[in-house]
Protein backbone atom coordinates (compact mmCIF):
# COMPACT_ATOMS: atom_id res chain seq x y z
CA UNK A 1 -21.51 -25.59 -4.35
CA UNK A 2 -18.96 -25.10 -7.12
CA UNK A 3 -18.66 -21.42 -6.24
CA UNK A 4 -17.88 -22.33 -2.63
CA UNK A 5 -15.14 -24.74 -3.75
CA UNK A 6 -13.72 -22.09 -6.09
CA UNK A 7 -13.60 -19.45 -3.33
CA UNK A 8 -12.08 -21.99 -0.93
CA UNK A 9 -9.38 -22.75 -3.52
CA UNK A 10 -8.55 -19.06 -3.96
CA UNK A 11 -8.35 -18.51 -0.19
CA UNK A 12 -6.06 -21.54 0.24
CA UNK A 13 -3.82 -20.33 -2.60
CA UNK A 14 -3.49 -16.88 -1.05
CA UNK A 15 -2.75 -18.39 2.36
CA UNK A 16 -0.02 -20.58 0.87
CA UNK A 17 1.52 -17.61 -0.94
CA UNK A 18 1.47 -15.53 2.23
CA UNK A 19 2.97 -18.35 4.29
CA UNK A 20 5.73 -19.14 1.82
CA UNK A 21 6.97 -15.59 1.52
CA UNK A 22 6.68 -14.84 5.23
CA UNK A 23 9.26 -17.52 6.01
CA UNK A 24 11.96 -15.87 3.91
CA UNK A 25 13.01 -13.37 6.57
CA UNK A 26 15.96 -15.43 7.85
CA UNK A 27 17.82 -15.51 4.53
CA UNK A 28 16.60 -12.16 3.30
CA UNK A 29 19.04 -9.75 1.69
CA UNK A 30 19.81 -6.38 3.25
CA UNK A 31 17.31 -3.80 2.04
CA UNK A 32 18.50 -0.70 0.19
CA UNK A 33 17.79 2.36 2.35
CA UNK A 34 19.55 5.07 0.38
CA UNK A 35 20.82 5.60 -3.16
CA UNK A 36 23.53 8.12 -4.02
CA UNK A 37 23.81 9.36 -7.60
CA UNK A 38 26.79 11.22 -9.03
CA UNK A 39 26.91 13.46 -12.10
CA UNK A 40 23.34 14.65 -11.71
CA UNK A 41 21.83 17.79 -10.19
CA UNK A 42 19.01 17.88 -7.65
CA UNK A 43 16.41 19.21 -10.12
CA UNK A 44 17.03 16.34 -12.53
CA UNK A 45 16.98 13.79 -9.69
CA UNK A 46 13.57 15.11 -8.58
CA UNK A 47 12.20 14.75 -12.12
CA UNK A 48 13.53 11.18 -12.42
CA UNK A 49 12.13 10.27 -8.99
CA UNK A 50 8.69 11.63 -9.92
CA UNK A 51 8.69 9.63 -13.16
CA UNK A 52 9.53 6.43 -11.30
CA UNK A 53 6.81 7.08 -8.72
CA UNK A 54 4.29 7.64 -11.52
CA UNK A 55 5.37 4.32 -13.07
CA UNK A 56 4.31 2.73 -9.76
CA UNK A 57 0.91 4.52 -10.15
CA UNK A 58 1.58 6.98 -7.31
CA UNK A 59 0.30 10.51 -7.74
CA UNK A 60 2.34 13.38 -6.34
CA UNK A 61 0.75 15.30 -3.46
CA UNK A 62 3.70 17.58 -2.57
CA UNK A 63 6.90 18.29 -4.41
CA UNK A 64 9.62 20.82 -3.65
CA UNK A 65 12.59 20.60 -5.97
CA UNK A 66 14.59 23.19 -4.01
CA UNK A 67 14.49 21.29 -0.73
CA UNK A 68 14.37 17.87 -2.44
CA UNK A 69 11.12 16.60 -0.94
CA UNK A 70 8.45 14.47 -2.64
CA UNK A 71 5.29 13.10 -0.99
CA UNK A 72 2.66 11.00 -2.76
CA UNK A 73 -1.04 10.58 -2.16
CA UNK A 74 -2.13 7.26 -0.61
CA UNK A 75 -2.29 4.52 -3.24
CA UNK A 76 -4.68 1.60 -2.67
CA UNK A 77 -2.85 -1.74 -2.85
CA UNK A 78 -3.27 -3.79 -6.01
CA UNK A 79 -5.32 -6.98 -5.98
CA UNK A 80 -4.03 -10.37 -7.16
CA UNK A 81 -5.74 -10.03 -10.56
CA UNK A 82 -4.19 -6.60 -11.29
CA UNK A 83 -1.02 -8.03 -12.81
CA UNK A 84 -0.07 -4.73 -14.49
CA UNK A 85 0.38 -2.88 -11.20
CA UNK A 86 3.81 -2.69 -9.56
CA UNK A 87 3.07 -1.56 -6.00
CA UNK A 88 3.53 -4.99 -4.38
CA UNK A 89 7.18 -5.86 -3.83
CA UNK A 90 6.64 -9.58 -3.16
CA UNK A 91 3.99 -12.29 -3.00
CA UNK A 92 3.28 -11.67 0.69
CA UNK A 93 2.42 -8.02 -0.04
CA UNK A 94 0.23 -9.12 -2.97
CA UNK A 95 -1.65 -11.59 -0.78
CA UNK A 96 -2.06 -9.03 2.00
CA UNK A 97 -3.39 -6.41 -0.43
CA UNK A 98 -5.83 -8.93 -1.91
CA UNK A 99 -7.25 -9.97 1.45
CA UNK A 100 -7.33 -6.57 3.19
CA UNK A 101 -7.72 -2.93 2.14
CA UNK A 102 -4.13 -1.67 2.12
CA UNK A 103 -2.81 1.72 1.05
CA UNK A 104 0.75 3.04 0.74
CA UNK A 105 2.25 6.53 0.76
CA UNK A 106 5.77 7.16 -0.52
CA UNK A 107 8.02 9.93 0.83
CA UNK A 108 11.37 10.78 -0.78
CA UNK A 109 14.04 13.09 0.60
CA UNK A 110 16.85 14.19 -1.70
CA UNK A 111 19.99 15.77 -0.28
CA UNK A 112 23.39 16.72 -1.62
CA UNK A 113 26.32 14.97 0.08
CA UNK A 114 29.91 15.33 -1.18
CA UNK A 115 28.81 16.31 -4.69
CA UNK A 116 26.35 13.41 -4.95
CA UNK A 117 22.57 13.43 -4.70
CA UNK A 118 21.46 10.93 -2.03
CA UNK A 119 17.85 9.77 -2.04
CA UNK A 120 16.06 8.30 0.98
CA UNK A 121 12.70 6.59 0.50
CA UNK A 122 10.10 5.65 3.10
CA UNK A 123 6.85 3.92 2.16
CA UNK A 124 4.20 4.03 4.89
CA UNK A 125 1.69 1.18 4.79
CA UNK A 126 -1.80 1.35 6.31
CA UNK A 127 -4.77 -1.03 6.63
CA UNK A 128 -8.44 -0.04 6.67
CA UNK A 129 -10.32 -0.82 9.87
CA UNK A 130 -14.12 -0.83 9.88
CA UNK A 131 -15.55 -0.93 13.38
CA UNK A 132 -18.66 -2.98 14.04
CA UNK A 133 -21.94 -1.12 14.30
CA UNK A 134 -23.36 -0.73 17.81
CA UNK A 135 -25.50 -3.64 18.90
CA UNK A 136 -28.55 -1.50 19.61
CA UNK A 137 -28.65 -0.65 15.89
CA UNK A 138 -28.33 -4.27 14.79
CA UNK A 139 -31.51 -4.27 12.80
CA UNK A 140 -34.28 -3.67 15.34
CA UNK A 141 -37.50 -2.61 13.61
CA UNK A 142 -41.11 -2.50 14.67
CA UNK A 143 -43.87 -4.39 12.94
CA UNK A 144 -46.45 -1.88 11.72
CA UNK A 145 -49.41 -4.10 12.49
CA UNK A 146 -48.58 -5.66 15.87
CA UNK A 147 -46.07 -3.10 17.21
CA UNK A 148 -43.63 -5.86 18.16
CA UNK A 149 -39.89 -5.63 17.66
CA UNK A 150 -38.52 -7.54 14.68
CA UNK A 151 -34.81 -8.27 14.40
CA UNK A 152 -33.44 -8.04 10.88
CA UNK A 153 -29.94 -8.52 9.57
CA UNK A 154 -28.24 -5.70 7.74
CA UNK A 155 -25.63 -6.93 5.26
CA UNK A 156 -24.54 -3.53 3.93
CA UNK A 157 -21.48 -1.59 5.04
CA UNK A 158 -21.99 1.55 7.03
CA UNK A 159 -19.57 4.01 5.45
CA UNK A 160 -19.79 6.46 8.31
CA UNK A 161 -16.34 8.10 8.54
CA UNK A 162 -16.50 7.83 12.34
CA UNK A 163 -16.47 4.03 12.01
CA UNK A 164 -13.63 3.93 9.47
CA UNK A 165 -9.97 4.40 10.35
CA UNK A 166 -6.57 3.56 8.89
CA UNK A 167 -4.22 1.52 11.08
CA UNK A 168 -0.54 2.22 10.57
CA UNK A 169 1.41 -0.93 9.63
CA UNK A 170 4.81 0.75 9.57
CA UNK A 171 7.32 1.10 6.79
CA UNK A 172 7.20 -1.09 3.67
CA UNK A 173 10.99 -1.45 3.32
CA UNK A 174 10.79 -3.87 0.39
CA UNK A 175 8.76 -1.51 -1.79
CA UNK A 176 11.02 1.40 -0.79
CA UNK A 177 14.06 -0.64 -1.89
CA UNK A 178 12.42 -1.48 -5.23
CA UNK A 179 11.60 2.20 -5.82
CA UNK A 180 15.18 3.25 -5.03
CA UNK A 181 16.62 0.62 -7.37
CA UNK A 182 14.33 1.82 -10.17
CA UNK A 183 15.39 5.44 -9.56
CA UNK A 184 19.05 4.41 -9.70
CA UNK A 185 18.53 2.46 -12.93
CA UNK A 186 16.60 5.35 -14.52
CA UNK A 187 19.36 7.83 -13.55
CA UNK A 188 22.08 5.59 -15.01
CA UNK A 189 20.24 5.41 -18.36
CA UNK A 190 20.47 9.19 -18.78
């Protein structure tokens, strides 16, 4: 019974966190969509951007310093107890990642405009969807002695790739803004 109360308390806490941060949209600040850096070349900006992405635990899937393009591999969202991870921009994102299977992919485009290097960041967010198994496979077995059908309950997950898909949740603008601010701060240090 104590375990049930404990789990209920955790669920209520996560719901409160998600509800409190969801209501902040009216007074929310304008999100940073682009950062322009002066006094730095494109090669150095790519290196700084990769270092910042690695600080967020992203791993680089594609990188082209000449064209100024960086794409990361999908990063599973951190859970509420992983306090050392930085991939949740706010408490709503932390609650959502703790309740559902979330993954994020960052994409950076660097371009030269009027002698400055401008960096655009887009973070695509996805949620895992597991479809329900067909009802005809819902645990029907035959008794070996009588030959009658016996209905059993299967509690395991069927990890068949045909029943798993990622639903696109759009752009995570808050995390993209945090990444851009970190890139700008790292570039100013050097």
